[in-house]
């Protein structure tokens, strides 16, 4: 009885057997991350590809996604440099606000204006140097996008799978509707994505069935490298930072192919492959890959949130009661229109009820975006419930992307 469940877990012995006789399959999420890695990290992956050549394969749908989105990798990298100017602007705004608040000698706080002169001069010099460096790096990225050695390396080292016919895809969509309605992985998290239309909503399911078909035809174990860390691929194990494939995927693969299957994110794969192929690497390289994956998980597309229905105008948030099973006290969030601040109040009077008051269920929503104050920026607040104290706190996260919003937006971080 115990043996039939062993396929859902990985052991050192099973992992060795898997690596000794497998094909490495990469998702577009992991391949597109290559465009944001340093040259050192790309070189390590290139060495791994050379050692694993002949055992590298990508589904046709992954190749399609790569062709469609490869330009975004360079654009993302360039955006990171451009955003440095936004961060500097934020620093300058705070510095100017400090000067403004301390310039009147007849009221507190007052500071001698001359103490700002030296730093003011340094900021102006730094701004010019930063702009020069940013332009240099952008020009370098523009040249790299023309050569695109990453794209060429992928097509040089990987075998591309066969495309499904139009009729086959229609059958998958019909079958996929049942799967998505019942949250059977993979891909159901993409179904509510307003940016995806037609076949795109079933992209993960298409590539998944292409992987299974390849394994059946070639009788090969599969190691799938996937940086799409949504719950329709992975068991939710964020508390212990472990990444485990969904049991449904493992069972479907085993039942249909009779072969072994496991998934890694790029960071896990890089560590395993460096050891397996005896390729020297560094903690710096491992950290770079891990950090990029973590950052991609924490990214939230605020423009998508604005387009969704979970929007509350600032005027409506004058007094909201918070609901969460771990909250020790009834807690309210109040927006002060004069001070432009959001405050937390604990209500200890048991006669205060939720009746006729707006209720924010914190078990569902974890973020609030609201107008900042005098400096013109926006503030992203993460709502945190301390399970030990049962108290609510708001963690401030600066995000220059949130400029010029006119709403408070409640967003589900899992989307």
Protein backbone atom coordinates (compact mmCIF):
# COMPACT_ATOMS: atom_id res chain seq x y z
CA UNK A 1 0.00 0.00 0.00
CA UNK A 2 2.81 2.40 0.93
CA UNK A 3 4.59 1.85 -2.44
CA UNK A 4 1.69 3.24 -4.47
CA UNK A 5 2.13 6.62 -2.77
CA UNK A 6 5.92 6.74 -3.17
CA UNK A 7 5.57 8.47 -6.56
CA UNK A 8 4.41 11.62 -4.78
CA UNK A 9 7.72 12.05 -2.95
CA UNK A 10 11.34 12.37 -3.99
CA UNK A 11 14.22 10.51 -2.32
CA UNK A 12 17.95 10.65 -3.03
CA UNK A 13 17.82 7.21 -4.66
CA UNK A 14 14.81 8.09 -6.80
CA UNK A 15 16.36 11.43 -7.74
CA UNK A 16 19.57 9.72 -8.89
CA UNK A 17 17.57 7.24 -10.99
CA UNK A 18 15.58 10.09 -12.47
CA UNK A 19 18.62 12.20 -13.41
CA UNK A 20 20.46 9.23 -14.92
CA UNK A 21 17.68 8.57 -17.42
CA UNK A 22 15.61 11.66 -18.17
CA UNK A 23 14.93 14.51 -20.53
CA UNK A 24 15.13 18.05 -19.14
CA UNK A 25 12.12 20.13 -20.16
CA UNK A 26 12.02 23.90 -19.62
CA UNK A 27 8.98 26.14 -19.33
CA UNK A 28 8.96 29.58 -20.95
CA UNK A 29 8.89 31.14 -17.46
CA UNK A 30 12.34 29.72 -16.73
CA UNK A 31 13.80 30.40 -20.19
CA UNK A 32 12.63 34.02 -20.26
CA UNK A 33 14.34 34.62 -16.91
CA UNK A 34 17.66 34.08 -18.70
CA UNK A 35 17.30 37.56 -20.18
CA UNK A 36 17.53 39.05 -16.69
CA UNK A 37 20.50 37.00 -15.44
CA UNK A 38 24.07 38.30 -15.31
CA UNK A 39 26.57 37.11 -17.93
CA UNK A 40 28.24 34.93 -15.28
CA UNK A 41 25.00 33.09 -14.52
CA UNK A 42 24.12 32.64 -18.20
CA UNK A 43 27.56 31.09 -18.77
CA UNK A 44 26.93 28.50 -16.00
CA UNK A 45 23.63 27.52 -17.61
CA UNK A 46 25.36 27.36 -21.01
CA UNK A 47 27.87 24.85 -19.63
CA UNK A 48 25.02 22.76 -18.21
CA UNK A 49 23.28 22.81 -21.59
CA UNK A 50 26.47 21.62 -23.29
CA UNK A 51 26.78 18.68 -20.87
CA UNK A 52 23.08 17.81 -21.18
CA UNK A 53 22.82 18.22 -24.95
CA UNK A 54 20.63 15.51 -26.46
CA UNK A 55 18.56 15.44 -23.27
CA UNK A 56 17.09 18.94 -23.60
CA UNK A 57 13.58 19.38 -25.02
CA UNK A 58 10.89 22.03 -24.96
CA UNK A 59 7.23 21.66 -25.92
CA UNK A 60 6.16 23.43 -29.09
CA UNK A 61 3.94 25.72 -27.06
CA UNK A 62 6.94 26.81 -24.95
CA UNK A 63 8.85 27.64 -28.14
CA UNK A 64 5.85 29.71 -29.26
CA UNK A 65 5.75 31.59 -25.94
CA UNK A 66 9.51 32.16 -26.11
CA UNK A 67 9.31 33.61 -29.63
CA UNK A 68 6.41 35.84 -28.62
CA UNK A 69 7.88 37.18 -25.36
CA UNK A 70 11.67 37.14 -25.74
CA UNK A 71 11.72 40.89 -26.34
CA UNK A 72 10.09 41.47 -22.95
CA UNK A 73 13.17 40.09 -21.20
CA UNK A 74 15.34 42.89 -22.54
CA UNK A 75 12.55 45.41 -21.89
CA UNK A 76 12.25 44.28 -18.26
CA UNK A 77 15.99 44.66 -17.78
CA UNK A 78 15.93 48.15 -19.30
CA UNK A 79 12.96 49.11 -17.13
CA UNK A 80 14.96 48.25 -14.03
CA UNK A 81 17.61 50.78 -15.04
CA UNK A 82 15.03 53.42 -15.91
CA UNK A 83 13.31 52.89 -12.55
CA UNK A 84 16.55 53.84 -10.81
CA UNK A 85 15.80 57.43 -11.83
CA UNK A 86 12.38 57.13 -10.19
CA UNK A 87 13.98 55.99 -6.94
CA UNK A 88 16.39 58.92 -7.07
CA UNK A 89 13.47 61.27 -7.70
CA UNK A 90 11.80 59.90 -4.58
CA UNK A 91 14.94 60.60 -2.54
CA UNK A 92 15.11 64.14 -3.93
CA UNK A 93 11.44 64.73 -3.11
CA UNK A 94 11.98 63.67 0.50
CA UNK A 95 15.09 65.83 0.71
CA UNK A 96 13.19 68.84 -0.69
CA UNK A 97 10.37 68.19 1.77
CA UNK A 98 12.89 68.19 4.63
CA UNK A 99 14.23 71.57 3.50
CA UNK A 100 10.72 72.93 3.11
CA UNK A 101 9.64 71.89 6.60
CA UNK A 102 12.69 73.36 8.34
CA UNK A 103 13.15 76.69 6.52
CA UNK A 104 10.93 78.97 8.64
CA UNK A 105 12.94 80.47 11.49
CA UNK A 106 9.86 81.55 13.43
CA UNK A 107 8.49 78.03 14.01
CA UNK A 108 9.73 74.56 14.86
CA UNK A 109 11.37 72.62 13.42
CA UNK A 110 13.95 75.06 12.05
CA UNK A 111 17.42 74.21 10.63
CA UNK A 112 20.11 76.42 9.15
CA UNK A 113 19.59 76.14 5.34
CA UNK A 114 23.36 75.94 4.78
CA UNK A 115 23.54 72.41 6.20
CA UNK A 116 21.73 71.18 3.08
CA UNK A 117 24.14 72.76 0.56
CA UNK A 118 26.80 70.03 0.55
CA UNK A 119 24.32 67.19 0.15
CA UNK A 120 22.39 69.15 -2.47
CA UNK A 121 25.56 69.46 -4.54
CA UNK A 122 26.37 65.74 -4.15
CA UNK A 123 22.86 64.72 -5.21
CA UNK A 124 23.13 66.81 -8.39
CA UNK A 125 26.51 65.23 -9.21
CA UNK A 126 25.17 61.74 -8.46
CA UNK A 127 22.14 62.38 -10.69
CA UNK A 128 24.41 63.13 -13.67
CA UNK A 129 26.62 60.08 -13.00
CA UNK A 130 23.60 57.83 -12.58
CA UNK A 131 22.05 59.02 -15.84
CA UNK A 132 25.33 58.36 -17.66
CA UNK A 133 25.59 54.82 -16.25
CA UNK A 134 21.94 54.05 -17.02
CA UNK A 135 22.32 55.15 -20.64
CA UNK A 136 25.49 53.04 -20.97
CA UNK A 137 23.74 49.90 -19.71
CA UNK A 138 20.68 50.48 -21.89
CA UNK A 139 22.89 50.81 -24.98
CA UNK A 140 24.57 47.54 -23.98
CA UNK A 141 21.18 45.82 -23.66
CA UNK A 142 20.11 47.19 -27.05
CA UNK A 143 23.18 45.61 -28.63
CA UNK A 144 22.56 42.32 -26.82
CA UNK A 145 18.96 42.26 -28.06
CA UNK A 146 20.22 42.43 -31.65
CA UNK A 147 22.64 39.51 -31.13
CA UNK A 148 20.31 37.60 -28.73
CA UNK A 149 22.84 34.93 -27.75
CA UNK A 150 20.35 33.48 -25.25
CA UNK A 151 17.73 32.79 -27.91
CA UNK A 152 20.39 31.31 -30.22
CA UNK A 153 21.74 29.12 -27.40
CA UNK A 154 18.29 27.71 -26.64
CA UNK A 155 17.65 26.78 -30.27
CA UNK A 156 21.16 25.37 -30.58
CA UNK A 157 20.88 23.08 -27.55
CA UNK A 158 17.19 22.18 -27.32
CA UNK A 159 15.00 19.92 -29.45
CA UNK A 160 11.61 21.51 -30.20
CA UNK A 161 8.49 19.36 -29.87
CA UNK A 162 5.75 18.91 -32.44
CA UNK A 163 2.80 21.29 -32.64
CA UNK A 164 -0.74 20.15 -31.84
CA UNK A 165 -3.24 20.50 -34.67
CA UNK A 166 -6.10 22.98 -34.46
CA UNK A 167 -8.59 20.15 -33.86
CA UNK A 168 -6.41 18.67 -31.11
CA UNK A 169 -6.32 22.03 -29.34
CA UNK A 170 -10.11 22.36 -29.57
CA UNK A 171 -10.43 18.94 -27.87
CA UNK A 172 -8.01 20.09 -25.15
CA UNK A 173 -10.07 23.25 -24.58
CA UNK A 174 -13.28 21.24 -24.26
CA UNK A 175 -11.58 18.91 -21.78
CA UNK A 176 -9.90 21.89 -20.11
CA UNK A 177 -13.20 23.54 -19.22
CA UNK A 178 -14.03 20.61 -16.94
CA UNK A 179 -10.54 20.62 -15.44
CA UNK A 180 -10.57 24.37 -14.77
CA UNK A 181 -14.09 24.30 -13.29
CA UNK A 182 -12.80 21.74 -10.78
CA UNK A 183 -9.37 23.38 -10.31
CA UNK A 184 -7.49 20.40 -11.71
CA UNK A 185 -3.96 21.51 -12.59
CA UNK A 186 -2.28 22.89 -14.52
CA UNK A 187 -3.44 26.23 -15.87
CA UNK A 188 -6.68 27.04 -14.11
CA UNK A 189 -5.14 30.14 -12.46
CA UNK A 190 -4.66 31.64 -15.94
CA UNK A 191 -8.33 31.32 -16.83
CA UNK A 192 -9.28 34.51 -14.96
CA UNK A 193 -6.39 36.47 -16.51
CA UNK A 194 -8.07 39.20 -18.56
CA UNK A 195 -4.98 39.59 -20.77
CA UNK A 196 -5.22 36.01 -22.04
CA UNK A 197 -7.76 35.17 -24.72
CA UNK A 198 -8.56 32.15 -26.88
CA UNK A 199 -5.94 29.39 -26.79
CA UNK A 200 -3.79 31.43 -24.40
CA UNK A 201 -6.03 30.63 -21.43
CA UNK A 202 -5.18 26.95 -21.95
CA UNK A 203 -1.47 27.40 -22.66
CA UNK A 204 -0.25 25.57 -19.54
CA UNK A 205 -2.57 22.64 -20.19
CA UNK A 206 -1.46 22.45 -23.83
CA UNK A 207 2.25 22.33 -22.95
CA UNK A 208 1.56 19.85 -20.14
CA UNK A 209 -0.17 17.42 -22.51
CA UNK A 210 2.67 17.90 -25.02
CA UNK A 211 5.13 16.84 -22.29
CA UNK A 212 3.08 13.72 -21.49
CA UNK A 213 2.79 12.81 -25.19
CA UNK A 214 6.56 13.15 -25.62
CA UNK A 215 7.23 10.93 -22.59
CA UNK A 216 4.80 8.26 -23.86
CA UNK A 217 6.33 8.22 -27.35
CA UNK A 218 9.96 8.19 -26.16
CA UNK A 219 9.57 6.27 -22.87
CA UNK A 220 11.55 8.91 -21.00
CA UNK A 221 11.46 10.23 -17.45
CA UNK A 222 10.89 13.99 -17.31
CA UNK A 223 12.44 16.71 -15.17
CA UNK A 224 10.46 19.89 -15.71
CA UNK A 225 12.10 23.23 -14.87
CA UNK A 226 9.33 25.72 -14.15
CA UNK A 227 9.49 29.19 -12.58
CA UNK A 228 5.73 29.72 -12.72
CA UNK A 229 5.16 29.18 -9.00
CA UNK A 230 1.39 29.49 -8.92
CA UNK A 231 -0.74 26.97 -7.04
CA UNK A 232 -1.91 25.27 -10.25
CA UNK A 233 1.60 23.80 -10.62
CA UNK A 234 2.93 23.55 -7.07
CA UNK A 235 1.74 22.46 -3.65
CA UNK A 236 1.51 25.52 -1.40
CA UNK A 237 4.58 25.11 0.78
CA UNK A 238 5.62 28.74 1.22
CA UNK A 239 5.97 28.26 4.96
CA UNK A 240 8.95 25.93 4.59
CA UNK A 241 10.17 27.27 1.22
CA UNK A 242 9.90 23.81 -0.38
CA UNK A 243 8.59 23.40 -3.93
CA UNK A 244 6.66 20.20 -4.57
CA UNK A 245 4.64 19.39 -7.73
CA UNK A 246 0.89 19.06 -7.34
CA UNK A 247 -0.12 15.44 -6.66
CA UNK A 248 -2.60 15.50 -9.56
CA UNK A 249 0.23 16.23 -12.02
CA UNK A 250 2.38 13.39 -10.70
CA UNK A 251 -0.51 10.91 -10.84
CA UNK A 252 -1.64 11.94 -14.33
CA UNK A 253 1.90 11.70 -15.67
CA UNK A 254 2.55 8.30 -14.06
CA UNK A 255 -0.79 6.81 -15.15
CA UNK A 256 -0.50 7.98 -18.76
CA UNK A 257 3.23 7.45 -19.39
CA UNK A 258 4.44 4.92 -16.81
CA UNK A 259 7.52 7.11 -16.34
CA UNK A 260 8.96 9.20 -13.51
CA UNK A 261 8.29 12.92 -13.25
CA UNK A 262 9.50 15.74 -11.02
CA UNK A 263 9.67 19.53 -11.13
CA UNK A 264 12.29 22.04 -10.02
CA UNK A 265 12.41 25.79 -10.19
CA UNK A 266 15.52 27.23 -11.86
CA UNK A 267 17.32 27.80 -8.56
CA UNK A 268 16.86 24.20 -7.43
CA UNK A 269 17.80 22.88 -10.88
CA UNK A 270 20.94 25.01 -11.04
CA UNK A 271 22.21 23.65 -7.71
CA UNK A 272 21.40 20.04 -8.67
CA UNK A 273 22.81 20.32 -12.20
CA UNK A 274 26.03 22.03 -11.08
CA UNK A 275 26.66 19.13 -8.73
CA UNK A 276 25.51 16.39 -11.14
CA UNK A 277 27.57 17.65 -14.09
CA UNK A 278 30.52 18.77 -11.87
CA UNK A 279 30.32 22.39 -13.01
CA UNK A 280 31.83 24.89 -10.55
CA UNK A 281 29.46 27.62 -9.47
CA UNK A 282 29.19 30.18 -6.67
CA UNK A 283 26.75 31.19 -3.98
CA UNK A 284 26.47 34.55 -5.73
CA UNK A 285 25.09 32.84 -8.86
CA UNK A 286 22.68 30.70 -6.84
CA UNK A 287 21.43 33.75 -4.94
CA UNK A 288 20.88 35.71 -8.16
CA UNK A 289 18.63 33.00 -9.60
CA UNK A 290 16.77 32.48 -6.32
CA UNK A 291 16.19 36.22 -5.85
CA UNK A 292 14.81 36.66 -9.37
CA UNK A 293 12.30 33.86 -8.75
CA UNK A 294 11.27 35.36 -5.39
CA UNK A 295 10.86 38.81 -6.94
CA UNK A 296 8.72 37.41 -9.76
CA UNK A 297 6.42 35.75 -7.21
CA UNK A 298 6.07 39.00 -5.24
CA UNK A 299 5.33 41.10 -8.33
CA UNK A 300 1.77 42.28 -8.65
CA UNK A 301 0.42 43.79 -11.83
CA UNK A 302 -1.29 46.87 -10.40
CA UNK A 303 -2.75 47.85 -13.77
CA UNK A 304 -4.58 44.52 -13.82
CA UNK A 305 -5.88 45.18 -10.31
CA UNK A 306 -7.26 48.55 -11.37
CA UNK A 307 -9.15 46.91 -14.23
CA UNK A 308 -10.76 44.39 -11.90
CA UNK A 309 -13.89 45.03 -9.83
CA UNK A 310 -12.29 45.10 -6.37
CA UNK A 311 -11.96 48.90 -6.26
CA UNK A 312 -13.12 51.13 -3.42
CA UNK A 313 -12.94 54.91 -3.76
CA UNK A 314 -11.06 56.71 -1.00
CA UNK A 315 -14.21 58.53 0.13
CA UNK A 316 -15.79 55.19 0.98
CA UNK A 317 -13.05 54.15 3.36
CA UNK A 318 -13.89 56.37 6.29
CA UNK A 319 -14.34 53.53 8.73
CA UNK A 320 -13.88 49.85 7.83
CA UNK A 321 -13.96 46.94 10.26
CA UNK A 322 -11.47 44.15 9.65
CA UNK A 323 -12.31 40.48 9.82
CA UNK A 324 -9.71 37.74 10.32
CA UNK A 325 -9.81 34.54 12.44
CA UNK A 326 -6.50 35.44 14.13
CA UNK A 327 -7.50 38.98 15.17
CA UNK A 328 -7.83 39.23 18.94
CA UNK A 329 -9.86 42.46 18.87
CA UNK A 330 -12.34 44.01 16.50
CA UNK A 331 -10.06 46.28 14.48
CA UNK A 332 -10.90 49.23 12.25
CA UNK A 333 -9.05 51.01 9.47
CA UNK A 334 -9.78 54.73 9.22
CA UNK A 335 -8.72 57.17 6.51
CA UNK A 336 -7.91 60.67 7.74
CA UNK A 337 -8.69 63.00 4.82
CA UNK A 338 -6.82 65.96 6.31
CA UNK A 339 -3.65 64.14 7.29
CA UNK A 340 -3.82 61.67 4.39
CA UNK A 341 -3.04 58.75 6.64
CA UNK A 342 -4.55 55.37 7.38
CA UNK A 343 -4.79 54.45 11.07
CA UNK A 344 -5.50 51.24 12.95
CA UNK A 345 -7.81 51.22 15.96
CA UNK A 346 -8.61 48.30 18.24
CA UNK A 347 -12.21 48.28 19.47
CA UNK A 348 -12.51 46.63 22.87
CA UNK A 349 -16.18 47.55 23.47
CA UNK A 350 -18.15 44.33 22.90
CA UNK A 351 -21.26 46.34 22.03
CA UNK A 352 -19.63 47.45 18.77
CA UNK A 353 -21.00 45.17 16.09
CA UNK A 354 -20.29 44.68 12.38
CA UNK A 355 -23.86 45.59 11.59
CA UNK A 356 -24.25 48.44 9.04
CA UNK A 357 -20.48 48.83 8.68
CA UNK A 358 -18.23 47.98 5.77
CA UNK A 359 -16.25 44.79 6.50
CA UNK A 360 -12.87 43.92 4.99
CA UNK A 361 -12.17 40.18 5.16
CA UNK A 362 -8.39 39.91 5.55
CA UNK A 363 -8.43 36.16 4.98
CA UNK A 364 -9.04 36.98 1.31
CA UNK A 365 -7.23 40.27 0.67
CA UNK A 366 -3.72 41.22 1.68
CA UNK A 367 -2.89 44.53 -0.01
CA UNK A 368 -4.19 48.07 0.01
CA UNK A 369 -3.04 50.75 -2.43
CA UNK A 370 -3.88 54.32 -1.52
CA UNK A 371 -2.94 57.89 -2.28
CA UNK A 372 0.23 58.83 -0.45
CA UNK A 373 0.32 62.42 0.78
CA UNK A 374 2.19 65.64 0.07
CA UNK A 375 5.03 64.25 -2.02
CA UNK A 376 2.75 63.02 -4.80
CA UNK A 377 3.68 59.33 -4.62
CA UNK A 378 1.49 56.35 -3.89
CA UNK A 379 1.85 53.92 -1.05
CA UNK A 380 1.35 50.17 -1.11
CA UNK A 381 0.43 48.79 2.28
CA UNK A 382 0.55 45.11 3.10
CA UNK A 383 -1.90 44.13 5.80
CA UNK A 384 -0.21 41.87 8.36
CA UNK A 385 -1.94 39.92 11.11
CA UNK A 386 0.42 38.80 13.87
CA UNK A 387 -0.80 35.33 14.80
CA UNK A 388 0.87 35.47 18.23
CA UNK A 389 -0.45 38.84 19.40
CA UNK A 390 -3.64 38.83 17.35
CA UNK A 391 -2.97 42.42 16.30
CA UNK A 392 -3.04 44.13 12.92
CA UNK A 393 -0.20 46.11 11.39
CA UNK A 394 0.46 47.78 8.05
CA UNK A 395 3.76 47.26 6.29
CA UNK A 396 4.71 50.16 4.04
CA UNK A 397 6.13 49.25 0.61
CA UNK A 398 7.36 52.08 -1.64
CA UNK A 399 6.46 51.58 -5.29
CA UNK A 400 6.99 54.40 -7.82
CA UNK A 401 4.79 52.45 -10.28
CA UNK A 402 1.72 53.56 -8.30
CA UNK A 403 1.84 57.23 -9.26
CA UNK A 404 -1.38 59.04 -10.16
CA UNK A 405 -3.89 56.47 -8.88
CA UNK A 406 -7.21 57.79 -7.63
CA UNK A 407 -8.45 54.71 -5.82
CA UNK A 408 -7.88 52.52 -2.87
CA UNK A 409 -7.57 49.07 -4.36
CA UNK A 410 -7.98 45.84 -2.52
CA UNK A 411 -6.03 43.09 -4.27
CA UNK A 412 -5.67 39.36 -3.72
CA UNK A 413 -1.90 38.66 -3.60
CA UNK A 414 -2.44 35.14 -4.91
CA UNK A 415 -3.59 36.36 -8.31
